[in-house]
């Protein structure tokens, strides 16, 4: 486990990042606040400097650092939501139409091979609430988006994420009595359902381990333990980890997870092993209110 060699105070926030050049994950962007108070900060390529970015809601580089996917804050003149495929060195961007209002995208993720991107789709209702709509797959080469409505009404409240082979996407399917993870092919056909795999936990980064074999949930009936499950087969958890958290950063490597926990009046993100032992501090925030309105995007640094 590399020791932190850099201490980076994050602009606009009470948060501090503790980073090593040897870390397998790096902070790429973070957002603060909601509504009129929303602000996005993005990392300048090859630096430890974060700057305010008023163009996008989300800003997620690919693992090679050669392209960035941004979700535009401005719609086009026909009220379509837009994604931008950005060259981080020049700032030039190619626009991709996704969905027409009142359907909008959120939580972009790159496919494992970097050829596609995934966004979760929600629909704004007239009463100001939202409901799940489905997902969209963006072809990075052609700059085209394929919208995939999902008919199952129990799916999509939680974001969609890539399966490790890049041929399917998963999400939680929830009712009052059942919690399960369902995988769809890229046309929206149900391929696989994982039954009895605990309950959802917010993961800022990678739901699936670097090897592609495991995913994370709360253990059933508790928010004080994290369970690690096989992504391919049913069965008991691979690990039960005593770690109380409301939000995980995600997988650090195949043997470690990063997650937030309370620290005094604020929070700290620590890297911990599969027995729950903290190995190192990754980030801190001194203000609990700041933490509630903050969302960090870490990417795997290949």
C-alpha atoms as a PDB file:
ATOM      1  CA  UNK A   1       0.000   0.000   0.000  1.00  0.00           C
ATOM      2  CA  UNK A   2       1.707   3.239  -1.117  1.00  0.00           C
ATOM      3  CA  UNK A   3       1.948   6.022   1.439  1.00  0.00           C
ATOM      4  CA  UNK A   4       0.490   9.410   0.550  1.00  0.00           C
ATOM      5  CA  UNK A   5       3.154  11.765  -0.737  1.00  0.00           C
ATOM      6  CA  UNK A   6       0.941  14.728  -1.651  1.00  0.00           C
ATOM      7  CA  UNK A   7      -1.600  16.782   0.304  1.00  0.00           C
ATOM      8  CA  UNK A   8      -3.991  18.647  -1.995  1.00  0.00           C
ATOM      9  CA  UNK A   9      -6.529  21.132  -0.607  1.00  0.00           C
ATOM     10  CA  UNK A  10      -9.603  21.019  -2.858  1.00  0.00           C
ATOM     11  CA  UNK A  11     -10.930  24.443  -3.963  1.00  0.00           C
ATOM     12  CA  UNK A  12     -14.423  25.428  -2.846  1.00  0.00           C
ATOM     13  CA  UNK A  13     -14.518  22.660  -0.259  1.00  0.00           C
ATOM     14  CA  UNK A  14     -13.299  21.768   3.220  1.00  0.00           C
ATOM     15  CA  UNK A  15     -11.898  18.555   1.733  1.00  0.00           C
ATOM     16  CA  UNK A  16      -8.243  17.570   1.447  1.00  0.00           C
ATOM     17  CA  UNK A  17      -6.879  14.820  -0.789  1.00  0.00           C
ATOM     18  CA  UNK A  18      -3.953  12.626   0.285  1.00  0.00           C
ATOM     19  CA  UNK A  19      -2.457  11.089  -2.825  1.00  0.00           C
ATOM     20  CA  UNK A  20       0.467   9.009  -4.058  1.00  0.00           C
ATOM     21  CA  UNK A  21       1.703   8.766  -7.635  1.00  0.00           C
ATOM     22  CA  UNK A  22       1.514   4.997  -7.118  1.00  0.00           C
ATOM     23  CA  UNK A  23      -2.208   4.981  -6.295  1.00  0.00           C
ATOM     24  CA  UNK A  24      -4.216   2.846  -8.767  1.00  0.00           C
ATOM     25  CA  UNK A  25      -7.078   5.361  -8.596  1.00  0.00           C
ATOM     26  CA  UNK A  26      -6.930   9.151  -8.939  1.00  0.00           C
ATOM     27  CA  UNK A  27      -9.449  11.921  -8.251  1.00  0.00           C
ATOM     28  CA  UNK A  28     -10.541  13.345 -11.620  1.00  0.00           C
ATOM     29  CA  UNK A  29     -13.390  15.661 -10.641  1.00  0.00           C
ATOM     30  CA  UNK A  30     -15.790  16.473  -7.832  1.00  0.00           C
ATOM     31  CA  UNK A  31     -19.072  18.309  -7.472  1.00  0.00           C
ATOM     32  CA  UNK A  32     -20.456  20.343  -4.592  1.00  0.00           C
ATOM     33  CA  UNK A  33     -24.016  21.346  -3.738  1.00  0.00           C
ATOM     34  CA  UNK A  34     -27.324  21.047  -5.543  1.00  0.00           C
ATOM     35  CA  UNK A  35     -29.536  23.284  -7.675  1.00  0.00           C
ATOM     36  CA  UNK A  36     -28.323  26.891  -7.832  1.00  0.00           C
ATOM     37  CA  UNK A  37     -25.429  26.011  -5.505  1.00  0.00           C
ATOM     38  CA  UNK A  38     -24.081  23.257  -7.766  1.00  0.00           C
ATOM     39  CA  UNK A  39     -20.406  23.565  -8.711  1.00  0.00           C
ATOM     40  CA  UNK A  40     -18.110  21.187 -10.589  1.00  0.00           C
ATOM     41  CA  UNK A  41     -14.324  21.138 -10.267  1.00  0.00           C
ATOM     42  CA  UNK A  42     -12.143  19.255 -12.745  1.00  0.00           C
ATOM     43  CA  UNK A  43      -8.497  18.261 -12.674  1.00  0.00           C
ATOM     44  CA  UNK A  44      -6.195  19.903 -15.182  1.00  0.00           C
ATOM     45  CA  UNK A  45      -4.402  17.190 -17.193  1.00  0.00           C
ATOM     46  CA  UNK A  46      -1.120  16.041 -15.683  1.00  0.00           C
ATOM     47  CA  UNK A  47      -1.372  18.329 -12.659  1.00  0.00           C
ATOM     48  CA  UNK A  48      -2.645  18.404  -9.089  1.00  0.00           C
ATOM     49  CA  UNK A  49      -4.676  21.541  -9.820  1.00  0.00           C
ATOM     50  CA  UNK A  50      -8.484  21.529  -9.763  1.00  0.00           C
ATOM     51  CA  UNK A  51     -10.446  24.346 -11.411  1.00  0.00           C
ATOM     52  CA  UNK A  52     -14.107  25.280 -11.460  1.00  0.00           C
ATOM     53  CA  UNK A  53     -15.877  24.095 -14.609  1.00  0.00           C
ATOM     54  CA  UNK A  54     -19.203  25.684 -15.560  1.00  0.00           C
ATOM     55  CA  UNK A  55     -19.782  23.672 -18.753  1.00  0.00           C
ATOM     56  CA  UNK A  56     -20.695  20.243 -17.375  1.00  0.00           C
ATOM     57  CA  UNK A  57     -22.627  18.395 -14.683  1.00  0.00           C
ATOM     58  CA  UNK A  58     -20.230  15.421 -14.832  1.00  0.00           C
ATOM     59  CA  UNK A  59     -16.667  15.081 -16.061  1.00  0.00           C
ATOM     60  CA  UNK A  60     -15.238  11.543 -16.294  1.00  0.00           C
ATOM     61  CA  UNK A  61     -11.921  10.758 -18.052  1.00  0.00           C
ATOM     62  CA  UNK A  62     -11.228   7.345 -19.558  1.00  0.00           C
ATOM     63  CA  UNK A  63      -8.525   5.249 -17.914  1.00  0.00           C
ATOM     64  CA  UNK A  64      -5.946   6.232 -20.539  1.00  0.00           C
ATOM     65  CA  UNK A  65      -6.605   9.927 -19.918  1.00  0.00           C
ATOM     66  CA  UNK A  66      -6.987  10.520 -23.656  1.00  0.00           C
ATOM     67  CA  UNK A  67     -10.694  11.428 -23.644  1.00  0.00           C
ATOM     68  CA  UNK A  68     -13.213  12.763 -21.171  1.00  0.00           C
ATOM     69  CA  UNK A  69     -16.976  12.315 -21.145  1.00  0.00           C
ATOM     70  CA  UNK A  70     -18.887  15.351 -19.921  1.00  0.00           C
ATOM     71  CA  UNK A  71     -22.632  15.811 -19.465  1.00  0.00           C
ATOM     72  CA  UNK A  72     -23.423  19.307 -20.684  1.00  0.00           C
ATOM     73  CA  UNK A  73     -25.250  21.793 -18.479  1.00  0.00           C
ATOM     74  CA  UNK A  74     -26.875  23.354 -21.546  1.00  0.00           C
ATOM     75  CA  UNK A  75     -29.359  21.573 -23.814  1.00  0.00           C
ATOM     76  CA  UNK A  76     -29.392  22.190 -27.551  1.00  0.00           C
ATOM     77  CA  UNK A  77     -32.053  24.355 -29.223  1.00  0.00           C
ATOM     78  CA  UNK A  78     -34.375  21.329 -29.602  1.00  0.00           C
ATOM     79  CA  UNK A  79     -34.153  20.638 -25.813  1.00  0.00           C
ATOM     80  CA  UNK A  80     -31.988  17.544 -26.218  1.00  0.00           C
ATOM     81  CA  UNK A  81     -29.559  16.720 -23.450  1.00  0.00           C
ATOM     82  CA  UNK A  82     -25.989  16.568 -24.682  1.00  0.00           C
ATOM     83  CA  UNK A  83     -22.846  14.664 -23.833  1.00  0.00           C
ATOM     84  CA  UNK A  84     -19.428  15.910 -24.868  1.00  0.00           C
ATOM     85  CA  UNK A  85     -16.477  13.721 -25.845  1.00  0.00           C
ATOM     86  CA  UNK A  86     -13.611  15.997 -24.841  1.00  0.00           C
ATOM     87  CA  UNK A  87      -9.932  16.137 -25.715  1.00  0.00           C
ATOM     88  CA  UNK A  88      -8.492  17.094 -22.300  1.00  0.00           C
ATOM     89  CA  UNK A  89      -5.321  18.582 -23.809  1.00  0.00           C
ATOM     90  CA  UNK A  90      -7.047  21.038 -26.141  1.00  0.00           C
ATOM     91  CA  UNK A  91     -10.505  21.279 -24.565  1.00  0.00           C
ATOM     92  CA  UNK A  92     -12.144  20.629 -27.948  1.00  0.00           C
ATOM     93  CA  UNK A  93     -15.383  18.652 -27.704  1.00  0.00           C
ATOM     94  CA  UNK A  94     -17.681  16.649 -29.961  1.00  0.00           C
ATOM     95  CA  UNK A  95     -21.349  16.880 -28.989  1.00  0.00           C
ATOM     96  CA  UNK A  96     -23.599  13.822 -28.757  1.00  0.00           C
ATOM     97  CA  UNK A  97     -27.386  14.148 -28.584  1.00  0.00           C
ATOM     98  CA  UNK A  98     -28.863  11.806 -25.982  1.00  0.00           C
ATOM     99  CA  UNK A  99     -32.487  12.420 -24.978  1.00  0.00           C
ATOM    100  CA  UNK A 100     -35.136  15.089 -25.422  1.00  0.00           C
ATOM    101  CA  UNK A 101     -36.626  16.762 -22.343  1.00  0.00           C
ATOM    102  CA  UNK A 102     -38.172  15.699 -19.998  1.00  0.00           C
ATOM    103  CA  UNK A 103     -35.801  12.691 -20.118  1.00  0.00           C
ATOM    104  CA  UNK A 104     -32.255  13.442 -18.998  1.00  0.00           C
ATOM    105  CA  UNK A 105     -28.987  11.543 -18.425  1.00  0.00           C
ATOM    106  CA  UNK A 106     -26.842  11.207 -15.308  1.00  0.00           C
ATOM    107  CA  UNK A 107     -23.876   9.272 -13.826  1.00  0.00           C
ATOM    108  CA  UNK A 108     -21.757   8.547 -16.930  1.00  0.00           C
ATOM    109  CA  UNK A 109     -19.408   5.548 -16.930  1.00  0.00           C
ATOM    110  CA  UNK A 110     -16.875   4.361 -19.494  1.00  0.00           C
ATOM    111  CA  UNK A 111     -17.010   0.783 -20.750  1.00  0.00           C
ATOM    112  CA  UNK A 112     -14.044  -1.413 -19.759  1.00  0.00           C
ATOM    113  CA  UNK A 113     -12.553  -1.153 -23.260  1.00  0.00           C
ATOM    114  CA  UNK A 114     -13.181   2.597 -23.546  1.00  0.00           C
ATOM    115  CA  UNK A 115     -15.213   2.266 -26.751  1.00  0.00           C
ATOM    116  CA  UNK A 116     -18.595   3.118 -25.222  1.00  0.00           C
ATOM    117  CA  UNK A 117     -20.097   5.112 -22.394  1.00  0.00           C
ATOM    118  CA  UNK A 118     -23.160   4.409 -20.286  1.00  0.00           C
ATOM    119  CA  UNK A 119     -25.585   6.926 -18.788  1.00  0.00           C
ATOM    120  CA  UNK A 120     -28.604   6.334 -16.584  1.00  0.00           C
ATOM    121  CA  UNK A 121     -31.832   7.997 -17.797  1.00  0.00           C
ATOM    122  CA  UNK A 122     -34.559   9.548 -15.633  1.00  0.00           C
ATOM    123  CA  UNK A 123     -37.756  11.332 -16.583  1.00  0.00           C
ATOM    124  CA  UNK A 124     -38.866  14.602 -14.995  1.00  0.00           C
ATOM    125  CA  UNK A 125     -42.558  14.545 -14.077  1.00  0.00           C
ATOM    126  CA  UNK A 126     -44.871  17.554 -14.005  1.00  0.00           C
ATOM    127  CA  UNK A 127     -45.020  17.522 -10.200  1.00  0.00           C
ATOM    128  CA  UNK A 128     -41.251  18.032  -9.994  1.00  0.00           C
ATOM    129  CA  UNK A 129     -40.406  14.426  -9.120  1.00  0.00           C
ATOM    130  CA  UNK A 130     -38.556  11.948 -11.317  1.00  0.00           C
ATOM    131  CA  UNK A 131     -38.951   8.332 -12.308  1.00  0.00           C
ATOM    132  CA  UNK A 132     -36.502   5.853 -13.875  1.00  0.00           C
ATOM    133  CA  UNK A 133     -36.590   5.618 -17.668  1.00  0.00           C
ATOM    134  CA  UNK A 134     -33.706   3.343 -18.704  1.00  0.00           C
ATOM    135  CA  UNK A 135     -30.196   3.880 -19.980  1.00  0.00           C
ATOM    136  CA  UNK A 136     -28.290   5.024 -23.051  1.00  0.00           C
ATOM    137  CA  UNK A 137     -25.132   3.675 -24.669  1.00  0.00           C
ATOM    138  CA  UNK A 138     -22.856   6.216 -26.361  1.00  0.00           C
ATOM    139  CA  UNK A 139     -20.598   5.003 -29.168  1.00  0.00           C
ATOM    140  CA  UNK A 140     -17.450   7.075 -28.719  1.00  0.00           C
ATOM    141  CA  UNK A 141     -16.198   6.606 -32.300  1.00  0.00           C
ATOM    142  CA  UNK A 142     -19.442   7.446 -34.113  1.00  0.00           C
ATOM    143  CA  UNK A 143     -20.624   9.996 -31.513  1.00  0.00           C
ATOM    144  CA  UNK A 144     -24.086   8.415 -31.514  1.00  0.00           C
ATOM    145  CA  UNK A 145     -26.276   7.468 -28.535  1.00  0.00           C
ATOM    146  CA  UNK A 146     -28.661   4.526 -28.382  1.00  0.00           C
ATOM    147  CA  UNK A 147     -31.521   5.067 -25.915  1.00  0.00           C
ATOM    148  CA  UNK A 148     -32.749   1.900 -24.198  1.00  0.00           C
ATOM    149  CA  UNK A 149     -36.023   2.192 -22.244  1.00  0.00           C
ATOM    150  CA  UNK A 150     -36.296  -0.391 -19.471  1.00  0.00           C
ATOM    151  CA  UNK A 151     -39.788  -1.805 -18.977  1.00  0.00           C
ATOM    152  CA  UNK A 152     -39.281  -3.379 -15.527  1.00  0.00           C
ATOM    153  CA  UNK A 153     -40.679  -0.856 -13.048  1.00  0.00           C
ATOM    154  CA  UNK A 154     -38.519  -2.086 -10.162  1.00  0.00           C
ATOM    155  CA  UNK A 155     -35.247  -1.137 -11.913  1.00  0.00           C
ATOM    156  CA  UNK A 156     -33.314   2.056 -12.418  1.00  0.00           C
ATOM    157  CA  UNK A 157     -33.782   4.000  -9.195  1.00  0.00           C
ATOM    158  CA  UNK A 158     -30.099   3.243  -8.636  1.00  0.00           C
ATOM    159  CA  UNK A 159     -27.614   4.004 -11.407  1.00  0.00           C
ATOM    160  CA  UNK A 160     -26.665   1.488 -14.078  1.00  0.00           C
ATOM    161  CA  UNK A 161     -23.088   0.208 -14.159  1.00  0.00           C
ATOM    162  CA  UNK A 162     -21.010  -1.883 -16.552  1.00  0.00           C
ATOM    163  CA  UNK A 163     -20.482  -5.590 -16.168  1.00  0.00           C
ATOM    164  CA  UNK A 164     -16.776  -6.352 -16.477  1.00  0.00           C
ATOM    165  CA  UNK A 165     -17.062  -7.887 -19.964  1.00  0.00           C
ATOM    166  CA  UNK A 166     -18.650  -4.716 -21.367  1.00  0.00           C
ATOM    167  CA  UNK A 167     -21.518  -6.739 -22.834  1.00  0.00           C
ATOM    168  CA  UNK A 168     -24.089  -5.978 -20.163  1.00  0.00           C
ATOM    169  CA  UNK A 169     -25.098  -3.314 -17.654  1.00  0.00           C
ATOM    170  CA  UNK A 170     -26.518  -3.868 -14.197  1.00  0.00           C
ATOM    171  CA  UNK A 171     -28.673  -2.035 -11.698  1.00  0.00           C
ATOM    172  CA  UNK A 172     -30.595  -2.711  -8.520  1.00  0.00           C
ATOM    173  CA  UNK A 173     -34.160  -3.984  -8.912  1.00  0.00           C
ATOM    174  CA  UNK A 174     -36.075  -3.176  -5.748  1.00  0.00           C
ATOM    175  CA  UNK A 175     -39.551  -3.816  -4.376  1.00  0.00           C
ATOM    176  CA  UNK A 176     -40.874  -3.639  -0.835  1.00  0.00           C
ATOM    177  CA  UNK A 177     -39.951  -7.280  -0.294  1.00  0.00           C
ATOM    178  CA  UNK A 178     -37.003  -8.031  -2.611  1.00  0.00           C
ATOM    179  CA  UNK A 179     -33.582  -6.574  -3.426  1.00  0.00           C
ATOM    180  CA  UNK A 180     -31.681  -7.985  -6.380  1.00  0.00           C
ATOM    181  CA  UNK A 181     -29.210  -6.940  -9.057  1.00  0.00           C
ATOM    182  CA  UNK A 182     -30.347  -7.392 -12.648  1.00  0.00           C
ATOM    183  CA  UNK A 183     -28.134  -7.329 -15.749  1.00  0.00           C
ATOM    184  CA  UNK A 184     -29.351  -6.286 -19.216  1.00  0.00           C
ATOM    185  CA  UNK A 185     -27.711  -6.646 -22.588  1.00  0.00           C
ATOM    186  CA  UNK A 186     -27.094  -3.436 -24.519  1.00  0.00           C
ATOM    187  CA  UNK A 187     -30.529  -3.699 -26.132  1.00  0.00           C
ATOM    188  CA  UNK A 188     -32.342  -3.951 -22.776  1.00  0.00           C
ATOM    189  CA  UNK A 189     -32.927  -7.726 -22.686  1.00  0.00           C
ATOM    190  CA  UNK A 190     -32.603  -9.281 -19.224  1.00  0.00           C
ATOM    191  CA  UNK A 191     -29.594 -11.606 -19.105  1.00  0.00           C
ATOM    192  CA  UNK A 192     -28.948 -12.372 -15.449  1.00  0.00           C
ATOM    193  CA  UNK A 193     -30.325 -11.730 -11.975  1.00  0.00           C
ATOM    194  CA  UNK A 194     -28.354 -11.957  -8.743  1.00  0.00           C
ATOM    195  CA  UNK A 195     -30.714 -12.860  -5.894  1.00  0.00           C
ATOM    196  CA  UNK A 196     -30.277 -12.216  -2.187  1.00  0.00           C
ATOM    197  CA  UNK A 197     -27.150 -10.063  -2.448  1.00  0.00           C
ATOM    198  CA  UNK A 198     -27.738  -7.657   0.403  1.00  0.00           C
ATOM    199  CA  UNK A 199     -28.967  -4.089  -0.093  1.00  0.00           C
ATOM    200  CA  UNK A 200     -27.726  -1.083  -2.094  1.00  0.00           C
ATOM    201  CA  UNK A 201     -24.913   1.190  -0.960  1.00  0.00           C
ATOM    202  CA  UNK A 202     -23.840   4.348  -2.769  1.00  0.00           C
ATOM    203  CA  UNK A 203     -20.561   3.837  -4.662  1.00  0.00           C
ATOM    204  CA  UNK A 204     -18.941   6.960  -6.131  1.00  0.00           C
ATOM    205  CA  UNK A 205     -16.578   5.036  -8.399  1.00  0.00           C
ATOM    206  CA  UNK A 206     -16.196   1.382  -9.305  1.00  0.00           C
ATOM    207  CA  UNK A 207     -18.973  -1.058  -8.271  1.00  0.00           C
ATOM    208  CA  UNK A 208     -17.052  -3.939  -9.893  1.00  0.00           C
ATOM    209  CA  UNK A 209     -13.548  -4.985  -8.822  1.00  0.00           C
ATOM    210  CA  UNK A 210     -10.581  -4.452 -11.218  1.00  0.00           C
ATOM    211  CA  UNK A 211     -10.508  -8.178 -12.019  1.00  0.00           C
ATOM    212  CA  UNK A 212     -14.211  -8.004 -12.874  1.00  0.00           C
ATOM    213  CA  UNK A 213     -15.136 -10.799 -10.481  1.00  0.00           C
ATOM    214  CA  UNK A 214     -16.777  -9.050  -7.514  1.00  0.00           C
ATOM    215  CA  UNK A 215     -19.157  -6.280  -6.489  1.00  0.00           C
ATOM    216  CA  UNK A 216     -20.087  -4.454  -3.281  1.00  0.00           C
ATOM    217  CA  UNK A 217     -23.289  -4.081  -1.234  1.00  0.00           C
ATOM    218  CA  UNK A 218     -24.408  -3.630   2.315  1.00  0.00           C
ATOM    219  CA  UNK A 219     -24.790  -7.018   3.926  1.00  0.00           C
ATOM    220  CA  UNK A 220     -28.407  -8.015   4.364  1.00  0.00           C
ATOM    221  CA  UNK A 221     -30.112  -6.305   7.293  1.00  0.00           C
ATOM    222  CA  UNK A 222     -27.262  -3.988   8.298  1.00  0.00           C
ATOM    223  CA  UNK A 223     -25.442  -0.811   7.258  1.00  0.00           C
ATOM    224  CA  UNK A 224     -22.435  -1.644   9.443  1.00  0.00           C
ATOM    225  CA  UNK A 225     -20.999  -4.365   7.217  1.00  0.00           C
ATOM    226  CA  UNK A 226     -19.982  -4.434   3.543  1.00  0.00           C
ATOM    227  CA  UNK A 227     -20.439  -7.651   1.587  1.00  0.00           C
ATOM    228  CA  UNK A 228     -18.368  -8.731  -1.424  1.00  0.00           C
ATOM    229  CA  UNK A 229     -20.221 -10.949  -3.906  1.00  0.00           C
ATOM    230  CA  UNK A 230     -19.320 -12.917  -7.006  1.00  0.00           C
ATOM    231  CA  UNK A 231     -20.644 -11.177 -10.091  1.00  0.00           C
ATOM    232  CA  UNK A 232     -21.149 -14.430 -11.996  1.00  0.00           C
ATOM    233  CA  UNK A 233     -22.645 -16.938  -9.551  1.00  0.00           C
ATOM    234  CA  UNK A 234     -25.111 -17.083  -6.693  1.00  0.00           C
ATOM    235  CA  UNK A 235     -23.888 -18.119  -3.281  1.00  0.00           C
ATOM    236  CA  UNK A 236     -22.670 -16.715   0.029  1.00  0.00           C
ATOM    237  CA  UNK A 237     -20.586 -13.516   0.122  1.00  0.00           C
ATOM    238  CA  UNK A 238     -16.894 -13.832  -0.652  1.00  0.00           C
ATOM    239  CA  UNK A 239     -16.162 -11.490   2.261  1.00  0.00           C
ATOM    240  CA  UNK A 240     -18.072  -9.769   5.066  1.00  0.00           C
ATOM    241  CA  UNK A 241     -16.277  -6.569   6.065  1.00  0.00           C
ATOM    242  CA  UNK A 242     -16.959  -4.646   9.290  1.00  0.00           C
ATOM    243  CA  UNK A 243     -16.988  -1.079   7.986  1.00  0.00           C
ATOM    244  CA  UNK A 244     -19.786   1.395   8.724  1.00  0.00           C
ATOM    245  CA  UNK A 245     -20.318   3.859   5.894  1.00  0.00           C
ATOM    246  CA  UNK A 246     -23.019   5.758   4.041  1.00  0.00           C
ATOM    247  CA  UNK A 247     -20.905   6.032   0.882  1.00  0.00           C
ATOM    248  CA  UNK A 248     -18.022   4.145  -0.688  1.00  0.00           C
ATOM    249  CA  UNK A 249     -15.425   5.558  -3.057  1.00  0.00           C
ATOM    250  CA  UNK A 250     -15.297   2.041  -4.568  1.00  0.00           C
ATOM    251  CA  UNK A 251     -12.635  -0.545  -5.329  1.00  0.00           C
ATOM    252  CA  UNK A 252      -9.046   0.648  -4.791  1.00  0.00           C
ATOM    253  CA  UNK A 253      -7.546  -2.613  -6.068  1.00  0.00           C
ATOM    254  CA  UNK A 254      -8.690  -6.238  -5.939  1.00  0.00           C
ATOM    255  CA  UNK A 255      -7.782  -6.566  -2.269  1.00  0.00           C
ATOM    256  CA  UNK A 256      -8.751  -3.138  -0.971  1.00  0.00           C
ATOM    257  CA  UNK A 257     -11.795  -0.852  -0.957  1.00  0.00           C
ATOM    258  CA  UNK A 258     -12.013   2.883  -0.280  1.00  0.00           C
ATOM    259  CA  UNK A 259     -14.909   4.253   1.733  1.00  0.00           C
ATOM    260  CA  UNK A 260     -16.049   7.193   3.824  1.00  0.00           C
ATOM    261  CA  UNK A 261     -16.546   7.061   7.585  1.00  0.00           C
ATOM    262  CA  UNK A 262     -17.220   9.611  10.304  1.00  0.00           C
ATOM    263  CA  UNK A 263     -14.233  11.469  11.751  1.00  0.00           C
ATOM    264  CA  UNK A 264     -15.051  14.015  14.459  1.00  0.00           C
ATOM    265  CA  UNK A 265     -17.446  16.598  13.020  1.00  0.00           C
ATOM    266  CA  UNK A 266     -16.529  15.583   9.457  1.00  0.00           C
ATOM    267  CA  UNK A 267     -15.617  12.481   7.454  1.00  0.00           C
ATOM    268  CA  UNK A 268     -12.569  10.695   6.145  1.00  0.00           C
ATOM    269  CA  UNK A 269     -12.166   8.339   3.200  1.00  0.00           C
ATOM    270  CA  UNK A 270      -9.852   5.460   4.016  1.00  0.00           C
ATOM    271  CA  UNK A 271      -8.493   2.518   2.061  1.00  0.00           C
ATOM    272  CA  UNK A 272      -9.292  -0.688   3.954  1.00  0.00           C
ATOM    273  CA  UNK A 273      -8.654  -4.378   3.385  1.00  0.00           C
ATOM    274  CA  UNK A 274     -11.236  -7.166   3.141  1.00  0.00           C
ATOM    275  CA  UNK A 275     -11.131  -7.588   6.929  1.00  0.00           C
ATOM    276  CA  UNK A 276     -12.034  -3.938   7.511  1.00  0.00           C
ATOM    277  CA  UNK A 277      -8.581  -2.779   8.631  1.00  0.00           C
ATOM    278  CA  UNK A 278      -7.814   0.775   7.507  1.00  0.00           C
ATOM    279  CA  UNK A 279      -4.537   1.017   5.597  1.00  0.00           C
ATOM    280  CA  UNK A 280      -4.370   4.682   4.725  1.00  0.00           C
ATOM    281  CA  UNK A 281      -6.323   7.966   4.574  1.00  0.00           C
ATOM    282  CA  UNK A 282      -7.340   8.968   1.048  1.00  0.00           C
ATOM    283  CA  UNK A 283      -9.315  12.156   1.737  1.00  0.00           C
ATOM    284  CA  UNK A 284     -10.858  14.149   4.573  1.00  0.00           C
ATOM    285  CA  UNK A 285     -13.584  16.736   4.939  1.00  0.00           C
ATOM    286  CA  UNK A 286     -13.976  18.739   8.117  1.00  0.00           C
ATOM    287  CA  UNK A 287     -17.602  19.689   7.599  1.00  0.00           C
ATOM    288  CA  UNK A 288     -20.406  17.115   7.604  1.00  0.00           C
ATOM    289  CA  UNK A 289     -22.738  19.383   5.628  1.00  0.00           C
ATOM    290  CA  UNK A 290     -20.086  19.734   2.917  1.00  0.00           C
ATOM    291  CA  UNK A 291     -19.788  15.960   2.761  1.00  0.00           C
ATOM    292  CA  UNK A 292     -23.517  15.475   2.181  1.00  0.00           C
ATOM    293  CA  UNK A 293     -23.430  17.732  -0.885  1.00  0.00           C
ATOM    294  CA  UNK A 294     -20.136  16.440  -2.272  1.00  0.00           C
ATOM    295  CA  UNK A 295     -19.579  13.737  -4.888  1.00  0.00           C
ATOM    296  CA  UNK A 296     -16.102  12.644  -5.990  1.00  0.00           C
ATOM    297  CA  UNK A 297     -15.170  10.866  -9.224  1.00  0.00           C
ATOM    298  CA  UNK A 298     -12.096   8.663  -8.931  1.00  0.00           C
ATOM    299  CA  UNK A 299     -10.871   6.880 -12.067  1.00  0.00           C
ATOM    300  CA  UNK A 300      -8.567   3.914 -12.436  1.00  0.00           C
ATOM    301  CA  UNK A 301      -5.107   5.144 -13.389  1.00  0.00           C
ATOM    302  CA  UNK A 302      -3.784   2.724 -15.993  1.00  0.00           C
END
